[in-house]
Amino acid sequence: MCKKFLVSIRKIMPVVVSIAALIVACSSYLIAESQLSVATIAVEPHFYVDEVPLYDEATKSWDERELKVFNVGAPVANISTGVHTFYKINDYGGIGEKWIPLNGYYYASFRSGEPKGKLSTHKGMKNAEKDFKATFIHFRGQNADYVDIELMHIVFISYRAFDGAKKEVCFLNERLVDCISVNEYRRKSIGSPIDLKGLTYKKLITKYKEYKI
């Protein structure tokens, strides 16, 4: 009986050793993969966008907004940031949703020149006040048309990564998005924008009705 048991043990022992070796190899692979992932994260940038209102003590109002771009991850080179602003308008009827390019909301850009930390600040003179007067319901007068109007900022950040590759990150307002989903609006922003300066609700709605998608 004992001899049979020992023979059986000898037969299955190579299989047990092979399984143990396979488990050790898999564990080593997973550890190496985890270490590589951590190392990759350590050399990657981490961007975020912060849009803040500015209070004017003289007028006692929040009449301006500014947008800042930060990198709190690994430093990168050749950083370029750009903001494209739109009015997303929808009458939920015969016209539907349109994104109207807007000039003058963030027309000034101040770059820090640093590879990390605050990368750029985007500003516009009295931009919040002008937007409010062009879109808020109180300023729509006797115009019977009611549409939903939302201000949208698309932020494009391009940079050179640690491995030399050129990369791009995109935000819709303050939310990170896939650049493919917003690239079409980058092309649209080039042609036929509307100016924030002197903008009224009537001008905006006329543009919305006439604008060709």
C-alpha atoms as a PDB file:
ATOM      1  CA  MET A   1       0.000   0.000   0.000  1.00  0.00           C
ATOM      2  CA  CYS A   2       2.775   2.395   0.971  1.00  0.00           C
ATOM      3  CA  LYS A   3       4.737   1.560  -2.162  1.00  0.00           C
ATOM      4  CA  LYS A   4       1.747   2.339  -4.349  1.00  0.00           C
ATOM      5  CA  PHE A   5       1.243   5.629  -2.527  1.00  0.00           C
ATOM      6  CA  LEU A   6       4.902   6.612  -3.001  1.00  0.00           C
ATOM      7  CA  VAL A   7       4.735   5.715  -6.700  1.00  0.00           C
ATOM      8  CA  SER A   8       1.647   7.884  -7.076  1.00  0.00           C
ATOM      9  CA  ILE A   9       3.370  10.767  -5.290  1.00  0.00           C
ATOM     10  CA  ARG A  10       6.395  10.472  -7.586  1.00  0.00           C
ATOM     11  CA  LYS A  11       4.105  10.601 -10.627  1.00  0.00           C
ATOM     12  CA  ILE A  12       2.213  13.709  -9.619  1.00  0.00           C
ATOM     13  CA  MET A  13       5.146  15.573  -8.056  1.00  0.00           C
ATOM     14  CA  PRO A  14       6.440  16.993 -11.381  1.00  0.00           C
ATOM     15  CA  VAL A  15       2.937  18.310 -12.092  1.00  0.00           C
ATOM     16  CA  VAL A  16       2.752  19.959  -8.657  1.00  0.00           C
ATOM     17  CA  VAL A  17       6.193  21.515  -9.144  1.00  0.00           C
ATOM     18  CA  SER A  18       5.205  22.795 -12.584  1.00  0.00           C
ATOM     19  CA  ILE A  19       2.016  24.364 -11.226  1.00  0.00           C
ATOM     20  CA  ALA A  20       3.967  26.005  -8.384  1.00  0.00           C
ATOM     21  CA  ALA A  21       6.521  27.359 -10.866  1.00  0.00           C
ATOM     22  CA  LEU A  22       3.707  28.709 -13.046  1.00  0.00           C
ATOM     23  CA  ILE A  23       2.105  30.442 -10.037  1.00  0.00           C
ATOM     24  CA  VAL A  24       5.440  32.028  -9.104  1.00  0.00           C
ATOM     25  CA  ALA A  25       5.990  33.174 -12.703  1.00  0.00           C
ATOM     26  CA  CYS A  26       2.504  34.691 -12.908  1.00  0.00           C
ATOM     27  CA  SER A  27       2.993  36.481  -9.595  1.00  0.00           C
ATOM     28  CA  SER A  28       6.320  37.882 -10.771  1.00  0.00           C
ATOM     29  CA  TYR A  29       4.717  39.092 -13.997  1.00  0.00           C
ATOM     30  CA  LEU A  30       1.881  40.819 -12.161  1.00  0.00           C
ATOM     31  CA  ILE A  31       4.310  42.500  -9.770  1.00  0.00           C
ATOM     32  CA  ALA A  32       6.485  43.694 -12.671  1.00  0.00           C
ATOM     33  CA  GLU A  33       3.418  44.957 -14.543  1.00  0.00           C
ATOM     34  CA  SER A  34       2.227  46.821 -11.443  1.00  0.00           C
ATOM     35  CA  GLN A  35       5.655  48.395 -10.944  1.00  0.00           C
ATOM     36  CA  LEU A  36       5.751  49.463 -14.589  1.00  0.00           C
ATOM     37  CA  SER A  37       2.287  50.989 -14.265  1.00  0.00           C
ATOM     38  CA  VAL A  38       3.347  52.941 -11.173  1.00  0.00           C
ATOM     39  CA  ALA A  39       6.531  54.088 -12.904  1.00  0.00           C
ATOM     40  CA  THR A  40       4.539  55.235 -15.946  1.00  0.00           C
ATOM     41  CA  ILE A  41       2.084  57.189 -13.794  1.00  0.00           C
ATOM     42  CA  ALA A  42       4.993  58.843 -12.007  1.00  0.00           C
ATOM     43  CA  VAL A  43       6.272  60.352 -15.266  1.00  0.00           C
ATOM     44  CA  GLU A  44       2.867  61.355 -16.642  1.00  0.00           C
ATOM     45  CA  PRO A  45       1.380  64.852 -16.274  1.00  0.00           C
ATOM     46  CA  HIS A  46      -1.982  65.396 -14.608  1.00  0.00           C
ATOM     47  CA  PHE A  47      -3.912  68.362 -15.956  1.00  0.00           C
ATOM     48  CA  TYR A  48      -6.972  70.080 -14.625  1.00  0.00           C
ATOM     49  CA  VAL A  49      -8.973  73.190 -15.512  1.00  0.00           C
ATOM     50  CA  ASP A  50     -10.388  75.657 -13.007  1.00  0.00           C
ATOM     51  CA  GLU A  51     -12.834  78.414 -13.984  1.00  0.00           C
ATOM     52  CA  VAL A  52     -13.448  80.999 -11.278  1.00  0.00           C
ATOM     53  CA  PRO A  53     -15.600  84.150 -10.926  1.00  0.00           C
ATOM     54  CA  LEU A  54     -13.908  87.461 -10.058  1.00  0.00           C
ATOM     55  CA  TYR A  55     -15.530  89.953  -7.726  1.00  0.00           C
ATOM     56  CA  ASP A  56     -15.319  93.674  -8.512  1.00  0.00           C
ATOM     57  CA  GLU A  57     -15.316  95.739  -5.320  1.00  0.00           C
ATOM     58  CA  ALA A  58     -16.147  98.917  -7.237  1.00  0.00           C
ATOM     59  CA  THR A  59     -19.335  97.574  -8.828  1.00  0.00           C
ATOM     60  CA  LYS A  60     -20.081  95.017  -6.093  1.00  0.00           C
ATOM     61  CA  SER A  61     -20.664  92.357  -8.729  1.00  0.00           C
ATOM     62  CA  TRP A  62     -19.168  89.175 -10.160  1.00  0.00           C
ATOM     63  CA  ASP A  63     -18.622  90.635 -13.625  1.00  0.00           C
ATOM     64  CA  GLU A  64     -15.665  88.596 -14.853  1.00  0.00           C
ATOM     65  CA  ARG A  65     -14.527  85.009 -15.004  1.00  0.00           C
ATOM     66  CA  GLU A  66     -11.100  83.593 -15.681  1.00  0.00           C
ATOM     67  CA  LEU A  67      -9.968  80.121 -16.625  1.00  0.00           C
ATOM     68  CA  LYS A  68      -6.743  78.553 -15.395  1.00  0.00           C
ATOM     69  CA  VAL A  69      -4.946  75.427 -16.591  1.00  0.00           C
ATOM     70  CA  PHE A  70      -2.770  73.420 -14.192  1.00  0.00           C
ATOM     71  CA  ASN A  71      -0.431  70.452 -14.322  1.00  0.00           C
ATOM     72  CA  VAL A  72       0.010  68.782 -10.943  1.00  0.00           C
ATOM     73  CA  GLY A  73       1.779  65.702 -12.317  1.00  0.00           C
ATOM     74  CA  ALA A  74       5.172  65.178 -13.905  1.00  0.00           C
ATOM     75  CA  PRO A  75       6.672  68.178 -15.764  1.00  0.00           C
ATOM     76  CA  VAL A  76       6.334  68.244 -19.559  1.00  0.00           C
ATOM     77  CA  ALA A  77       7.748  70.353 -22.389  1.00  0.00           C
ATOM     78  CA  ASN A  78       6.393  72.429 -25.285  1.00  0.00           C
ATOM     79  CA  ILE A  79       3.058  73.071 -23.581  1.00  0.00           C
ATOM     80  CA  SER A  80       0.387  74.926 -25.528  1.00  0.00           C
ATOM     81  CA  THR A  81      -3.114  75.693 -24.254  1.00  0.00           C
ATOM     82  CA  GLY A  82      -6.079  77.077 -26.156  1.00  0.00           C
ATOM     83  CA  VAL A  83      -9.702  77.839 -25.298  1.00  0.00           C
ATOM     84  CA  HIS A  84     -12.538  77.730 -27.835  1.00  0.00           C
ATOM     85  CA  THR A  85     -15.837  79.128 -26.572  1.00  0.00           C
ATOM     86  CA  PHE A  86     -19.343  78.398 -27.871  1.00  0.00           C
ATOM     87  CA  TYR A  87     -22.971  79.002 -27.106  1.00  0.00           C
ATOM     88  CA  LYS A  88     -24.782  75.670 -27.169  1.00  0.00           C
ATOM     89  CA  ILE A  89     -28.334  76.622 -28.114  1.00  0.00           C
ATOM     90  CA  ASN A  90     -31.365  74.383 -28.447  1.00  0.00           C
ATOM     91  CA  ASP A  91     -35.003  75.294 -29.073  1.00  0.00           C
ATOM     92  CA  TYR A  92     -36.047  71.639 -28.710  1.00  0.00           C
ATOM     93  CA  GLY A  93     -38.098  72.160 -31.828  1.00  0.00           C
ATOM     94  CA  GLY A  94     -37.646  72.747 -35.528  1.00  0.00           C
ATOM     95  CA  ILE A  95     -34.085  74.071 -35.383  1.00  0.00           C
ATOM     96  CA  GLY A  96     -32.541  71.822 -32.757  1.00  0.00           C
ATOM     97  CA  GLU A  97     -29.128  72.045 -31.146  1.00  0.00           C
ATOM     98  CA  LYS A  98     -26.392  74.254 -32.581  1.00  0.00           C
ATOM     99  CA  TRP A  99     -22.987  75.260 -31.258  1.00  0.00           C
ATOM    100  CA  ILE A 100     -22.309  78.912 -32.135  1.00  0.00           C
ATOM    101  CA  PRO A 101     -18.608  79.953 -31.987  1.00  0.00           C
ATOM    102  CA  LEU A 102     -18.081  82.954 -29.707  1.00  0.00           C
ATOM    103  CA  ASN A 103     -15.297  85.543 -29.934  1.00  0.00           C
ATOM    104  CA  GLY A 104     -14.124  87.641 -27.021  1.00  0.00           C
ATOM    105  CA  TYR A 105     -14.960  85.647 -23.918  1.00  0.00           C
ATOM    106  CA  TYR A 106     -11.402  84.528 -23.203  1.00  0.00           C
ATOM    107  CA  TYR A 107      -9.397  86.655 -25.614  1.00  0.00           C
ATOM    108  CA  ALA A 108      -6.248  87.140 -23.494  1.00  0.00           C
ATOM    109  CA  SER A 109      -3.934  84.286 -22.561  1.00  0.00           C
ATOM    110  CA  PHE A 110      -1.068  84.521 -20.074  1.00  0.00           C
ATOM    111  CA  ARG A 111       1.329  81.574 -20.025  1.00  0.00           C
ATOM    112  CA  SER A 112       3.582  80.884 -17.067  1.00  0.00           C
ATOM    113  CA  GLY A 113       6.258  79.121 -19.108  1.00  0.00           C
ATOM    114  CA  GLU A 114       6.573  76.508 -16.388  1.00  0.00           C
ATOM    115  CA  PRO A 115       6.520  72.724 -17.062  1.00  0.00           C
ATOM    116  CA  LYS A 116       4.178  72.109 -14.125  1.00  0.00           C
ATOM    117  CA  GLY A 117       2.000  74.012 -11.685  1.00  0.00           C
ATOM    118  CA  LYS A 118      -0.083  76.801 -13.196  1.00  0.00           C
ATOM    119  CA  LEU A 119       0.416  76.667 -16.961  1.00  0.00           C
ATOM    120  CA  SER A 120      -1.821  79.474 -18.215  1.00  0.00           C
ATOM    121  CA  THR A 121      -4.536  81.953 -17.287  1.00  0.00           C
ATOM    122  CA  HIS A 122      -7.236  82.989 -19.776  1.00  0.00           C
ATOM    123  CA  LYS A 123      -9.081  86.268 -19.235  1.00  0.00           C
ATOM    124  CA  GLY A 124     -11.708  88.520 -20.801  1.00  0.00           C
ATOM    125  CA  MET A 125     -12.843  92.023 -19.927  1.00  0.00           C
ATOM    126  CA  LYS A 126     -16.269  91.989 -18.234  1.00  0.00           C
ATOM    127  CA  ASN A 127     -16.973  88.665 -19.948  1.00  0.00           C
ATOM    128  CA  ALA A 128     -19.431  87.373 -17.345  1.00  0.00           C
ATOM    129  CA  GLU A 129     -21.395  90.624 -17.386  1.00  0.00           C
ATOM    130  CA  LYS A 130     -21.632  90.668 -21.190  1.00  0.00           C
ATOM    131  CA  ASP A 131     -22.722  87.037 -21.272  1.00  0.00           C
ATOM    132  CA  PHE A 132     -25.354  87.670 -18.587  1.00  0.00           C
ATOM    133  CA  LYS A 133     -26.849  90.620 -20.470  1.00  0.00           C
ATOM    134  CA  ALA A 134     -26.976  88.657 -23.727  1.00  0.00           C
ATOM    135  CA  THR A 135     -28.566  85.496 -22.394  1.00  0.00           C
ATOM    136  CA  PHE A 136     -30.365  85.995 -19.069  1.00  0.00           C
ATOM    137  CA  ILE A 137     -34.143  85.825 -19.262  1.00  0.00           C
ATOM    138  CA  HIS A 138     -34.561  89.348 -17.815  1.00  0.00           C
ATOM    139  CA  PHE A 139     -32.785  90.830 -20.845  1.00  0.00           C
ATOM    140  CA  ARG A 140     -34.745  88.951 -23.496  1.00  0.00           C
ATOM    141  CA  GLY A 141     -37.380  91.688 -23.711  1.00  0.00           C
ATOM    142  CA  GLN A 142     -40.578  90.926 -25.592  1.00  0.00           C
ATOM    143  CA  ASN A 143     -38.965  88.237 -27.707  1.00  0.00           C
ATOM    144  CA  ALA A 144     -41.353  85.294 -27.610  1.00  0.00           C
ATOM    145  CA  ASP A 145     -38.700  82.789 -28.591  1.00  0.00           C
ATOM    146  CA  TYR A 146     -37.467  80.738 -25.672  1.00  0.00           C
ATOM    147  CA  VAL A 147     -34.409  78.602 -26.158  1.00  0.00           C
ATOM    148  CA  ASP A 148     -31.940  76.867 -23.864  1.00  0.00           C
ATOM    149  CA  ILE A 149     -28.551  78.622 -23.929  1.00  0.00           C
ATOM    150  CA  GLU A 150     -25.413  77.192 -22.351  1.00  0.00           C
ATOM    151  CA  LEU A 151     -21.889  78.611 -22.446  1.00  0.00           C
ATOM    152  CA  MET A 152     -19.310  75.967 -23.331  1.00  0.00           C
ATOM    153  CA  HIS A 153     -15.503  76.160 -23.212  1.00  0.00           C
ATOM    154  CA  ILE A 154     -13.357  73.553 -24.938  1.00  0.00           C
ATOM    155  CA  VAL A 155      -9.773  73.560 -23.650  1.00  0.00           C
ATOM    156  CA  PHE A 156      -7.056  71.969 -25.771  1.00  0.00           C
ATOM    157  CA  ILE A 157      -3.701  71.174 -24.119  1.00  0.00           C
ATOM    158  CA  SER A 158      -0.846  69.889 -26.267  1.00  0.00           C
ATOM    159  CA  TYR A 159       2.549  68.899 -24.867  1.00  0.00           C
ATOM    160  CA  ARG A 160       5.692  66.807 -25.383  1.00  0.00           C
ATOM    161  CA  ALA A 161       5.744  63.763 -23.107  1.00  0.00           C
ATOM    162  CA  PHE A 162       8.760  62.277 -21.319  1.00  0.00           C
ATOM    163  CA  ASP A 163       9.241  59.760 -24.141  1.00  0.00           C
ATOM    164  CA  GLY A 164       9.298  62.512 -26.785  1.00  0.00           C
ATOM    165  CA  ALA A 165       5.809  61.816 -28.105  1.00  0.00           C
ATOM    166  CA  LYS A 166       3.507  64.744 -28.847  1.00  0.00           C
ATOM    167  CA  LYS A 167       0.207  64.374 -26.999  1.00  0.00           C
ATOM    168  CA  GLU A 168      -3.031  66.272 -26.483  1.00  0.00           C
ATOM    169  CA  VAL A 169      -5.559  66.447 -23.655  1.00  0.00           C
ATOM    170  CA  CYS A 170      -9.007  68.047 -23.909  1.00  0.00           C
ATOM    171  CA  PHE A 171     -11.532  69.438 -21.452  1.00  0.00           C
ATOM    172  CA  LEU A 172     -15.155  70.447 -21.914  1.00  0.00           C
ATOM    173  CA  ASN A 173     -15.516  73.209 -19.352  1.00  0.00           C
ATOM    174  CA  GLU A 174     -13.808  71.543 -16.373  1.00  0.00           C
ATOM    175  CA  ARG A 175     -14.468  67.938 -17.395  1.00  0.00           C
ATOM    176  CA  LEU A 176     -11.823  65.785 -19.065  1.00  0.00           C
ATOM    177  CA  VAL A 177     -13.103  64.409 -22.395  1.00  0.00           C
ATOM    178  CA  ASP A 178     -11.868  62.415 -25.356  1.00  0.00           C
ATOM    179  CA  CYS A 179     -10.388  64.884 -27.879  1.00  0.00           C
ATOM    180  CA  ILE A 180     -12.113  63.031 -30.718  1.00  0.00           C
ATOM    181  CA  SER A 181     -15.488  64.046 -29.289  1.00  0.00           C
ATOM    182  CA  VAL A 182     -14.693  67.784 -29.482  1.00  0.00           C
ATOM    183  CA  ASN A 183     -12.358  68.066 -32.471  1.00  0.00           C
ATOM    184  CA  GLU A 184     -15.222  68.912 -34.833  1.00  0.00           C
ATOM    185  CA  TYR A 185     -15.935  72.049 -32.791  1.00  0.00           C
ATOM    186  CA  ARG A 186     -12.316  73.181 -33.156  1.00  0.00           C
ATOM    187  CA  ARG A 187     -12.878  73.348 -36.913  1.00  0.00           C
ATOM    188  CA  LYS A 188     -16.203  75.129 -36.497  1.00  0.00           C
ATOM    189  CA  SER A 189     -14.674  77.813 -34.265  1.00  0.00           C
ATOM    190  CA  ILE A 190     -12.623  79.131 -37.188  1.00  0.00           C
ATOM    191  CA  GLY A 191     -15.524  80.269 -39.329  1.00  0.00           C
ATOM    192  CA  SER A 192     -18.388  82.690 -38.728  1.00  0.00           C
ATOM    193  CA  PRO A 193     -18.159  83.329 -34.953  1.00  0.00           C
ATOM    194  CA  ILE A 194     -20.293  85.873 -33.115  1.00  0.00           C
ATOM    195  CA  ASP A 195     -18.655  88.634 -31.024  1.00  0.00           C
ATOM    196  CA  LEU A 196     -19.384  88.939 -27.313  1.00  0.00           C
ATOM    197  CA  LYS A 197     -18.840  92.695 -27.448  1.00  0.00           C
ATOM    198  CA  GLY A 198     -22.200  94.384 -28.021  1.00  0.00           C
ATOM    199  CA  LEU A 199     -24.013  91.058 -28.094  1.00  0.00           C
ATOM    200  CA  THR A 200     -27.747  91.036 -27.369  1.00  0.00           C
ATOM    201  CA  TYR A 201     -30.235  88.232 -27.087  1.00  0.00           C
ATOM    202  CA  LYS A 202     -31.840  89.269 -30.361  1.00  0.00           C
ATOM    203  CA  LYS A 203     -28.497  89.156 -32.202  1.00  0.00           C
ATOM    204  CA  LEU A 204     -27.705  85.768 -30.690  1.00  0.00           C
ATOM    205  CA  ILE A 205     -31.025  84.216 -31.673  1.00  0.00           C
ATOM    206  CA  THR A 206     -30.761  85.635 -35.195  1.00  0.00           C
ATOM    207  CA  LYS A 207     -27.325  84.046 -35.467  1.00  0.00           C
ATOM    208  CA  TYR A 208     -28.698  80.765 -34.115  1.00  0.00           C
ATOM    209  CA  LYS A 209     -31.436  80.662 -36.727  1.00  0.00           C
ATOM    210  CA  GLU A 210     -29.111  81.557 -39.616  1.00  0.00           C
ATOM    211  CA  TYR A 211     -26.051  79.541 -38.586  1.00  0.00           C
ATOM    212  CA  LYS A 212     -25.215  76.660 -40.911  1.00  0.00           C
ATOM    213  CA  ILE A 213     -24.022  73.501 -39.247  1.00  0.00           C
END
